[in-house]
PDB file of N, CA and C in Angstrom:
ATOM      1  N   MET A   1      18.226  11.318  17.255  1.00  0.00           N
ATOM      2  CA  MET A   1      17.573  10.595  18.270  1.00  0.00           C
ATOM      3  C   MET A   1      16.384  11.542  18.725  1.00  0.00           C
ATOM      4  N   PRO A   2      15.243  10.895  18.888  1.00  0.00           N
ATOM      5  CA  PRO A   2      13.997  11.675  19.221  1.00  0.00           C
ATOM      6  C   PRO A   2      14.102  12.215  20.604  1.00  0.00           C
ATOM      7  N   THR A   3      13.387  13.359  20.963  1.00  0.00           N
ATOM      8  CA  THR A   3      13.264  13.825  22.266  1.00  0.00           C
ATOM      9  C   THR A   3      12.483  12.876  23.207  1.00  0.00           C
ATOM     10  N   ILE A   4      12.508  13.103  24.489  1.00  0.00           N
ATOM     11  CA  ILE A   4      11.763  12.267  25.347  1.00  0.00           C
ATOM     12  C   ILE A   4      10.210  12.219  25.057  1.00  0.00           C
ATOM     13  N   HIS A   5       9.743  13.416  24.684  1.00  0.00           N
ATOM     14  CA  HIS A   5       8.323  13.406  24.405  1.00  0.00           C
ATOM     15  C   HIS A   5       7.900  12.900  23.077  1.00  0.00           C
ATOM     16  N   ARG A   6       8.889  12.753  22.195  1.00  0.00           N
ATOM     17  CA  ARG A   6       8.566  11.995  20.881  1.00  0.00           C
ATOM     18  C   ARG A   6       9.011  10.568  20.811  1.00  0.00           C
ATOM     19  N   THR A   7       9.727  10.161  21.857  1.00  0.00           N
ATOM     20  CA  THR A   7      10.065   8.715  22.009  1.00  0.00           C
ATOM     21  C   THR A   7       8.819   7.831  22.085  1.00  0.00           C
ATOM     22  N   ILE A   8       7.970   8.201  22.961  1.00  0.00           N
ATOM     23  CA  ILE A   8       6.711   7.488  23.240  1.00  0.00           C
ATOM     24  C   ILE A   8       5.601   8.030  22.312  1.00  0.00           C
ATOM     25  N   VAL A   9       5.117   7.292  21.391  1.00  0.00           N
ATOM     26  CA  VAL A   9       4.203   7.860  20.411  1.00  0.00           C
ATOM     27  C   VAL A   9       2.738   7.715  21.112  1.00  0.00           C
ATOM     28  N   ARG A  10       2.339   6.475  21.535  1.00  0.00           N
ATOM     29  CA  ARG A  10       1.076   6.384  22.192  1.00  0.00           C
ATOM     30  C   ARG A  10       1.075   4.987  22.887  1.00  0.00           C
ATOM     31  N   PRO A  11       0.145   4.881  23.853  1.00  0.00           N
ATOM     32  CA  PRO A  11       0.028   3.539  24.476  1.00  0.00           C
ATOM     33  C   PRO A  11      -0.839   2.669  23.545  1.00  0.00           C
ATOM     34  N   ILE A  12      -0.641   1.458  23.643  1.00  0.00           N
ATOM     35  CA  ILE A  12      -1.396   0.381  22.883  1.00  0.00           C
ATOM     36  C   ILE A  12      -2.334  -0.334  23.794  1.00  0.00           C
ATOM     37  N   VAL A  13      -3.595  -0.055  23.724  1.00  0.00           N
ATOM     38  CA  VAL A  13      -4.627  -0.687  24.573  1.00  0.00           C
ATOM     39  C   VAL A  13      -5.439  -1.659  23.701  1.00  0.00           C
ATOM     40  N   THR A  14      -5.156  -2.949  23.770  1.00  0.00           N
ATOM     41  CA  THR A  14      -5.996  -3.864  23.005  1.00  0.00           C
ATOM     42  C   THR A  14      -6.349  -4.959  24.053  1.00  0.00           C
ATOM     43  N   GLU A  15      -7.140  -5.958  23.602  1.00  0.00           N
ATOM     44  CA  GLU A  15      -7.485  -7.019  24.506  1.00  0.00           C
ATOM     45  C   GLU A  15      -6.238  -7.797  25.061  1.00  0.00           C
ATOM     46  N   LYS A  16      -5.292  -8.087  24.054  1.00  0.00           N
ATOM     47  CA  LYS A  16      -4.128  -8.808  24.288  1.00  0.00           C
ATOM     48  C   LYS A  16      -3.180  -7.958  25.200  1.00  0.00           C
ATOM     49  N   SER A  17      -3.067  -6.737  25.033  1.00  0.00           N
ATOM     50  CA  SER A  17      -2.120  -5.922  25.877  1.00  0.00           C
ATOM     51  C   SER A  17      -2.785  -5.720  27.257  1.00  0.00           C
ATOM     52  N   SER A  18      -4.036  -5.648  27.283  1.00  0.00           N
ATOM     53  CA  SER A  18      -4.770  -5.556  28.609  1.00  0.00           C
ATOM     54  C   SER A  18      -4.599  -6.823  29.543  1.00  0.00           C
ATOM     55  N   ALA A  19      -4.682  -7.958  28.829  1.00  0.00           N
ATOM     56  CA  ALA A  19      -4.420  -9.256  29.458  1.00  0.00           C
ATOM     57  C   ALA A  19      -2.999  -9.237  29.985  1.00  0.00           C
ATOM     58  N   ALA A  20      -1.980  -8.826  29.143  1.00  0.00           N
ATOM     59  CA  ALA A  20      -0.619  -8.867  29.592  1.00  0.00           C
ATOM     60  C   ALA A  20      -0.338  -7.903  30.847  1.00  0.00           C
ATOM     61  N   TYR A  21      -1.014  -6.756  30.917  1.00  0.00           N
ATOM     62  CA  TYR A  21      -1.055  -5.884  31.982  1.00  0.00           C
ATOM     63  C   TYR A  21      -1.637  -6.515  33.195  1.00  0.00           C
ATOM     64  N   GLN A  22      -2.674  -7.189  33.164  1.00  0.00           N
ATOM     65  CA  GLN A  22      -3.348  -7.820  34.308  1.00  0.00           C
ATOM     66  C   GLN A  22      -2.622  -8.972  34.828  1.00  0.00           C
ATOM     67  N   ASP A  23      -2.051  -9.778  33.872  1.00  0.00           N
ATOM     68  CA  ASP A  23      -1.393 -11.047  34.312  1.00  0.00           C
ATOM     69  C   ASP A  23       0.031 -10.839  34.759  1.00  0.00           C
ATOM     70  N   ARG A  24       0.820 -10.032  33.964  1.00  0.00           N
ATOM     71  CA  ARG A  24       2.273  -9.901  34.137  1.00  0.00           C
ATOM     72  C   ARG A  24       2.691  -8.408  34.536  1.00  0.00           C
ATOM     73  N   GLY A  25       1.835  -7.488  34.393  1.00  0.00           N
ATOM     74  CA  GLY A  25       2.209  -6.185  34.720  1.00  0.00           C
ATOM     75  C   GLY A  25       3.006  -5.508  33.640  1.00  0.00           C
ATOM     76  N   GLU A  26       2.829  -5.994  32.336  1.00  0.00           N
ATOM     77  CA  GLU A  26       3.496  -5.396  31.156  1.00  0.00           C
ATOM     78  C   GLU A  26       2.690  -4.379  30.469  1.00  0.00           C
ATOM     79  N   TYR A  27       3.318  -3.240  30.131  1.00  0.00           N
ATOM     80  CA  TYR A  27       2.624  -2.219  29.426  1.00  0.00           C
ATOM     81  C   TYR A  27       3.204  -2.115  28.024  1.00  0.00           C
ATOM     82  N   THR A  28       2.320  -1.846  27.002  1.00  0.00           N
ATOM     83  CA  THR A  28       2.683  -1.822  25.616  1.00  0.00           C
ATOM     84  C   THR A  28       2.577  -0.400  25.075  1.00  0.00           C
ATOM     85  N   PHE A  29       3.560   0.031  24.367  1.00  0.00           N
ATOM     86  CA  PHE A  29       3.637   1.403  23.687  1.00  0.00           C
ATOM     87  C   PHE A  29       4.047   1.202  22.342  1.00  0.00           C
ATOM     88  N   GLU A  30       3.596   2.154  21.444  1.00  0.00           N
ATOM     89  CA  GLU A  30       4.214   2.412  20.182  1.00  0.00           C
ATOM     90  C   GLU A  30       5.250   3.493  20.291  1.00  0.00           C
ATOM     91  N   VAL A  31       6.471   3.210  19.860  1.00  0.00           N
ATOM     92  CA  VAL A  31       7.544   4.074  20.084  1.00  0.00           C
ATOM     93  C   VAL A  31       8.154   4.649  18.746  1.00  0.00           C
ATOM     94  N   HIS A  32       9.019   5.642  18.813  1.00  0.00           N
ATOM     95  CA  HIS A  32       9.577   6.158  17.571  1.00  0.00           C
ATOM     96  C   HIS A  32      10.508   5.035  17.046  1.00  0.00           C
ATOM     97  N   PRO A  33      10.511   4.894  15.689  1.00  0.00           N
ATOM     98  CA  PRO A  33      11.377   3.783  15.117  1.00  0.00           C
ATOM     99  C   PRO A  33      12.869   3.898  15.358  1.00  0.00           C
ATOM    100  N   ASP A  34      13.374   5.089  15.703  1.00  0.00           N
ATOM    101  CA  ASP A  34      14.790   5.163  16.001  1.00  0.00           C
ATOM    102  C   ASP A  34      15.151   5.056  17.464  1.00  0.00           C
ATOM    103  N   ALA A  35      14.135   4.889  18.292  1.00  0.00           N
ATOM    104  CA  ALA A  35      14.398   4.791  19.743  1.00  0.00           C
ATOM    105  C   ALA A  35      15.040   3.397  20.082  1.00  0.00           C
ATOM    106  N   ASN A  36      15.931   3.449  21.091  1.00  0.00           N
ATOM    107  CA  ASN A  36      16.546   2.185  21.484  1.00  0.00           C
ATOM    108  C   ASN A  36      16.014   1.950  22.888  1.00  0.00           C
ATOM    109  N   LYS A  37      16.403   0.889  23.521  1.00  0.00           N
ATOM    110  CA  LYS A  37      15.835   0.376  24.804  1.00  0.00           C
ATOM    111  C   LYS A  37      16.135   1.417  25.830  1.00  0.00           C
ATOM    112  N   THR A  38      17.405   1.985  25.821  1.00  0.00           N
ATOM    113  CA  THR A  38      17.820   2.945  26.813  1.00  0.00           C
ATOM    114  C   THR A  38      16.954   4.160  26.812  1.00  0.00           C
ATOM    115  N   SER A  39      16.718   4.762  25.693  1.00  0.00           N
ATOM    116  CA  SER A  39      15.998   5.921  25.529  1.00  0.00           C
ATOM    117  C   SER A  39      14.457   5.738  25.928  1.00  0.00           C
ATOM    118  N   ILE A  40      13.954   4.475  25.596  1.00  0.00           N
ATOM    119  CA  ILE A  40      12.583   4.154  25.873  1.00  0.00           C
ATOM    120  C   ILE A  40      12.478   4.150  27.455  1.00  0.00           C
ATOM    121  N   LYS A  41      13.370   3.465  28.066  1.00  0.00           N
ATOM    122  CA  LYS A  41      13.431   3.360  29.641  1.00  0.00           C
ATOM    123  C   LYS A  41      13.445   4.701  30.247  1.00  0.00           C
ATOM    124  N   GLN A  42      14.341   5.590  29.809  1.00  0.00           N
ATOM    125  CA  GLN A  42      14.462   6.900  30.331  1.00  0.00           C
ATOM    126  C   GLN A  42      13.154   7.729  30.083  1.00  0.00           C
ATOM    127  N   ALA A  43      12.586   7.582  28.878  1.00  0.00           N
ATOM    128  CA  ALA A  43      11.316   8.351  28.679  1.00  0.00           C
ATOM    129  C   ALA A  43      10.150   7.979  29.492  1.00  0.00           C
ATOM    130  N   ILE A  44      10.005   6.546  29.730  1.00  0.00           N
ATOM    131  CA  ILE A  44       8.915   6.033  30.530  1.00  0.00           C
ATOM    132  C   ILE A  44       9.057   6.511  32.005  1.00  0.00           C
ATOM    133  N   GLU A  45      10.364   6.417  32.491  1.00  0.00           N
ATOM    134  CA  GLU A  45      10.673   6.830  33.923  1.00  0.00           C
ATOM    135  C   GLU A  45      10.474   8.287  34.143  1.00  0.00           C
ATOM    136  N   SER A  46      10.825   9.060  33.155  1.00  0.00           N
ATOM    137  CA  SER A  46      10.610  10.555  33.409  1.00  0.00           C
ATOM    138  C   SER A  46       9.156  10.986  33.094  1.00  0.00           C
ATOM    139  N   LEU A  47       8.495  10.484  32.121  1.00  0.00           N
ATOM    140  CA  LEU A  47       7.093  10.897  31.918  1.00  0.00           C
ATOM    141  C   LEU A  47       6.104  10.447  32.915  1.00  0.00           C
ATOM    142  N   PHE A  48       6.283   9.208  33.387  1.00  0.00           N
ATOM    143  CA  PHE A  48       5.296   8.573  34.285  1.00  0.00           C
ATOM    144  C   PHE A  48       5.726   8.457  35.736  1.00  0.00           C
ATOM    145  N   GLY A  49       6.961   8.756  36.115  1.00  0.00           N
ATOM    146  CA  GLY A  49       7.505   8.664  37.353  1.00  0.00           C
ATOM    147  C   GLY A  49       7.522   7.277  37.961  1.00  0.00           C
ATOM    148  N   VAL A  50       7.851   6.264  37.243  1.00  0.00           N
ATOM    149  CA  VAL A  50       7.903   4.845  37.597  1.00  0.00           C
ATOM    150  C   VAL A  50       9.346   4.282  37.460  1.00  0.00           C
ATOM    151  N   LYS A  51       9.629   3.130  37.923  1.00  0.00           N
ATOM    152  CA  LYS A  51      10.875   2.475  37.742  1.00  0.00           C
ATOM    153  C   LYS A  51      10.740   1.351  36.801  1.00  0.00           C
ATOM    154  N   VAL A  52      11.448   1.302  35.631  1.00  0.00           N
ATOM    155  CA  VAL A  52      11.397   0.311  34.642  1.00  0.00           C
ATOM    156  C   VAL A  52      12.396  -0.823  34.888  1.00  0.00           C
ATOM    157  N   THR A  53      12.001  -2.068  34.848  1.00  0.00           N
ATOM    158  CA  THR A  53      12.953  -3.098  35.136  1.00  0.00           C
ATOM    159  C   THR A  53      13.141  -3.896  33.789  1.00  0.00           C
ATOM    160  N   GLY A  54      12.435  -3.821  32.815  1.00  0.00           N
ATOM    161  CA  GLY A  54      12.667  -4.460  31.511  1.00  0.00           C
ATOM    162  C   GLY A  54      11.968  -3.842  30.396  1.00  0.00           C
ATOM    163  N   VAL A  55      12.613  -3.887  29.224  1.00  0.00           N
ATOM    164  CA  VAL A  55      12.094  -3.308  27.884  1.00  0.00           C
ATOM    165  C   VAL A  55      12.401  -4.298  26.875  1.00  0.00           C
ATOM    166  N   TRP A  56      11.313  -4.673  26.085  1.00  0.00           N
ATOM    167  CA  TRP A  56      11.371  -5.540  24.884  1.00  0.00           C
ATOM    168  C   TRP A  56      10.924  -4.745  23.718  1.00  0.00           C
ATOM    169  N   THR A  57      11.607  -4.768  22.703  1.00  0.00           N
ATOM    170  CA  THR A  57      11.215  -4.034  21.434  1.00  0.00           C
ATOM    171  C   THR A  57      11.074  -4.982  20.277  1.00  0.00           C
ATOM    172  N   SER A  58      10.209  -4.570  19.338  1.00  0.00           N
ATOM    173  CA  SER A  58      10.038  -5.342  18.098  1.00  0.00           C
ATOM    174  C   SER A  58       9.537  -4.342  16.997  1.00  0.00           C
ATOM    175  N   GLN A  59      10.032  -4.660  15.768  1.00  0.00           N
ATOM    176  CA  GLN A  59       9.672  -3.850  14.536  1.00  0.00           C
ATOM    177  C   GLN A  59       8.397  -4.612  13.986  1.00  0.00           C
ATOM    178  N   GLN A  60       7.332  -3.831  13.792  1.00  0.00           N
ATOM    179  CA  GLN A  60       6.147  -4.382  13.208  1.00  0.00           C
ATOM    180  C   GLN A  60       6.116  -4.068  11.697  1.00  0.00           C
ATOM    181  N   ARG A  61       5.902  -4.965  10.935  1.00  0.00           N
ATOM    182  CA  ARG A  61       5.976  -4.728   9.427  1.00  0.00           C
ATOM    183  C   ARG A  61       4.640  -4.021   9.017  1.00  0.00           C
ATOM    184  N   GLY A  62       4.665  -3.162   8.019  1.00  0.00           N
ATOM    185  CA  GLY A  62       3.496  -2.554   7.443  1.00  0.00           C
ATOM    186  C   GLY A  62       2.573  -3.584   6.711  1.00  0.00           C
ATOM    187  N   LYS A  63       1.335  -3.544   6.964  1.00  0.00           N
ATOM    188  CA  LYS A  63       0.377  -4.420   6.429  1.00  0.00           C
ATOM    189  C   LYS A  63       0.052  -4.028   4.928  1.00  0.00           C
ATOM    190  N   LEU A  64      -0.186  -5.083   4.115  1.00  0.00           N
ATOM    191  CA  LEU A  64      -0.551  -4.799   2.715  1.00  0.00           C
ATOM    192  C   LEU A  64      -2.107  -4.384   2.750  1.00  0.00           C
ATOM    193  N   ARG A  65      -2.386  -3.264   2.015  1.00  0.00           N
ATOM    194  CA  ARG A  65      -3.795  -2.798   1.992  1.00  0.00           C
ATOM    195  C   ARG A  65      -4.085  -2.619   0.521  1.00  0.00           C
ATOM    196  N   ARG A  66      -5.240  -2.931   0.126  1.00  0.00           N
ATOM    197  CA  ARG A  66      -5.832  -2.671  -1.099  1.00  0.00           C
ATOM    198  C   ARG A  66      -7.029  -1.701  -1.160  1.00  0.00           C
ATOM    199  N   VAL A  67      -6.915  -0.773  -2.115  1.00  0.00           N
ATOM    200  CA  VAL A  67      -8.082   0.159  -2.269  1.00  0.00           C
ATOM    201  C   VAL A  67      -8.333   0.087  -3.840  1.00  0.00           C
ATOM    202  N   GLY A  68      -9.513  -0.582  -4.147  1.00  0.00           N
ATOM    203  CA  GLY A  68      -9.808  -0.737  -5.503  1.00  0.00           C
ATOM    204  C   GLY A  68      -8.820  -1.748  -6.149  1.00  0.00           C
ATOM    205  N   GLY A  69      -8.226  -1.421  -7.237  1.00  0.00           N
ATOM    206  CA  GLY A  69      -7.248  -2.338  -7.860  1.00  0.00           C
ATOM    207  C   GLY A  69      -5.774  -2.062  -7.462  1.00  0.00           C
ATOM    208  N   LYS A  70      -5.643  -1.081  -6.593  1.00  0.00           N
ATOM    209  CA  LYS A  70      -4.300  -0.629  -6.261  1.00  0.00           C
ATOM    210  C   LYS A  70      -3.882  -1.231  -4.871  1.00  0.00           C
ATOM    211  N   ALA A  71      -2.638  -1.637  -4.805  1.00  0.00           N
ATOM    212  CA  ALA A  71      -2.050  -2.194  -3.570  1.00  0.00           C
ATOM    213  C   ALA A  71      -1.052  -1.291  -2.993  1.00  0.00           C
ATOM    214  N   GLY A  72      -0.959  -1.098  -1.631  1.00  0.00           N
ATOM    215  CA  GLY A  72      -0.017  -0.291  -0.934  1.00  0.00           C
ATOM    216  C   GLY A  72       0.393  -0.903   0.324  1.00  0.00           C
ATOM    217  N   LEU A  73       1.303  -0.311   1.080  1.00  0.00           N
ATOM    218  CA  LEU A  73       1.659  -0.770   2.387  1.00  0.00           C
ATOM    219  C   LEU A  73       1.427   0.334   3.416  1.00  0.00           C
ATOM    220  N   ARG A  74       0.958  -0.169   4.518  1.00  0.00           N
ATOM    221  CA  ARG A  74       0.807   0.714   5.688  1.00  0.00           C
ATOM    222  C   ARG A  74       2.246   0.806   6.147  1.00  0.00           C
ATOM    223  N   PRO A  75       2.529   1.968   6.891  1.00  0.00           N
ATOM    224  CA  PRO A  75       3.962   2.259   7.403  1.00  0.00           C
ATOM    225  C   PRO A  75       4.348   1.205   8.576  1.00  0.00           C
ATOM    226  N   ARG A  76       5.641   0.949   8.495  1.00  0.00           N
ATOM    227  CA  ARG A  76       6.121   0.074   9.715  1.00  0.00           C
ATOM    228  C   ARG A  76       6.123   0.891  10.957  1.00  0.00           C
ATOM    229  N   TRP A  77       6.106   0.263  12.034  1.00  0.00           N
ATOM    230  CA  TRP A  77       6.219   0.953  13.418  1.00  0.00           C
ATOM    231  C   TRP A  77       6.892   0.000  14.368  1.00  0.00           C
ATOM    232  N   LYS A  78       7.341   0.582  15.455  1.00  0.00           N
ATOM    233  CA  LYS A  78       8.022  -0.120  16.562  1.00  0.00           C
ATOM    234  C   LYS A  78       7.229  -0.241  17.818  1.00  0.00           C
ATOM    235  N   LYS A  79       7.195  -1.344  18.391  1.00  0.00           N
ATOM    236  CA  LYS A  79       6.552  -1.634  19.596  1.00  0.00           C
ATOM    237  C   LYS A  79       7.415  -1.975  20.738  1.00  0.00           C
ATOM    238  N   ALA A  80       7.125  -1.414  21.969  1.00  0.00           N
ATOM    239  CA  ALA A  80       7.879  -1.671  23.068  1.00  0.00           C
ATOM    240  C   ALA A  80       7.042  -2.193  24.140  1.00  0.00           C
ATOM    241  N   ILE A  81       7.434  -3.252  24.836  1.00  0.00           N
ATOM    242  CA  ILE A  81       6.665  -3.801  25.917  1.00  0.00           C
ATOM    243  C   ILE A  81       7.659  -3.557  27.168  1.00  0.00           C
ATOM    244  N   VAL A  82       7.036  -2.941  28.227  1.00  0.00           N
ATOM    245  CA  VAL A  82       7.840  -2.410  29.347  1.00  0.00           C
ATOM    246  C   VAL A  82       7.230  -3.005  30.644  1.00  0.00           C
ATOM    247  N   THR A  83       8.149  -3.570  31.444  1.00  0.00           N
ATOM    248  CA  THR A  83       7.822  -4.203  32.802  1.00  0.00           C
ATOM    249  C   THR A  83       8.295  -3.196  33.809  1.00  0.00           C
ATOM    250  N   LEU A  84       7.477  -2.956  34.783  1.00  0.00           N
ATOM    251  CA  LEU A  84       7.782  -2.064  35.900  1.00  0.00           C
ATOM    252  C   LEU A  84       8.118  -2.758  37.122  1.00  0.00           C
ATOM    253  N   LYS A  85       8.766  -2.095  38.112  1.00  0.00           N
ATOM    254  CA  LYS A  85       9.064  -2.546  39.412  1.00  0.00           C
ATOM    255  C   LYS A  85       7.748  -2.867  40.088  1.00  0.00           C
ATOM    256  N   ALA A  86       7.811  -3.920  41.015  1.00  0.00           N
ATOM    257  CA  ALA A  86       6.577  -4.281  41.723  1.00  0.00           C
ATOM    258  C   ALA A  86       6.014  -3.188  42.514  1.00  0.00           C
ATOM    259  N   GLY A  87       4.757  -2.896  42.376  1.00  0.00           N
ATOM    260  CA  GLY A  87       4.090  -1.754  43.058  1.00  0.00           C
ATOM    261  C   GLY A  87       3.850  -0.580  42.300  1.00  0.00           C
ATOM    262  N   ASP A  88       4.624  -0.418  41.217  1.00  0.00           N
ATOM    263  CA  ASP A  88       4.439   0.699  40.285  1.00  0.00           C
ATOM    264  C   ASP A  88       3.392   0.520  39.234  1.00  0.00           C
ATOM    265  N   SER A  89       2.669   1.485  38.816  1.00  0.00           N
ATOM    266  CA  SER A  89       1.663   1.357  37.807  1.00  0.00           C
ATOM    267  C   SER A  89       1.568   2.670  36.990  1.00  0.00           C
ATOM    268  N   ILE A  90       0.995   2.595  35.854  1.00  0.00           N
ATOM    269  CA  ILE A  90       0.728   3.796  34.978  1.00  0.00           C
ATOM    270  C   ILE A  90      -0.842   3.915  34.911  1.00  0.00           C
ATOM    271  N   GLU A  91      -1.281   5.248  35.288  1.00  0.00           N
ATOM    272  CA  GLU A  91      -2.673   5.399  35.412  1.00  0.00           C
ATOM    273  C   GLU A  91      -3.460   5.362  34.154  1.00  0.00           C
ATOM    274  N   ILE A  92      -2.904   5.602  32.938  1.00  0.00           N
ATOM    275  CA  ILE A  92      -3.600   5.580  31.762  1.00  0.00           C
ATOM    276  C   ILE A  92      -4.183   4.224  31.350  1.00  0.00           C
ATOM    277  N   PHE A  93      -3.550   3.145  31.932  1.00  0.00           N
ATOM    278  CA  PHE A  93      -4.018   1.808  31.617  1.00  0.00           C
ATOM    279  C   PHE A  93      -5.053   1.442  32.577  1.00  0.00           C
ATOM    280  N   GLU A  94      -5.258   2.040  33.719  1.00  0.00           N
ATOM    281  CA  GLU A  94      -6.332   1.650  34.629  1.00  0.00           C
ATOM    282  C   GLU A  94      -7.496   2.535  34.496  1.00  0.00           C
ATOM    283  N   GLY A  95      -8.696   1.931  34.402  1.00  0.00           N
ATOM    284  CA  GLY A  95      -9.816   2.717  34.354  1.00  0.00           C
ATOM    285  C   GLY A  95     -10.850   2.214  33.391  1.00  0.00           C
TER     286      GLY A  95
END
């Protein structure tokens, strides 16, 4: 099992995730593929000092990429969508 600092790989800031934050208060992160919902919740709460109320996870398949005549796959990764208690926020998404 990864440590707390390796559980959360990076925040995902896209147009779709920004709309989810503004409308529903959901934050999206790329997480370690072996992380489970409990470890993701504990990592978010300890790293950002907020209260997590819900965690949704999904495995993202690697995309097929071609370079010249050769085909390969990008690596798979895991996405977590996190909902916080009303009134809590994470500063990296605001600004």
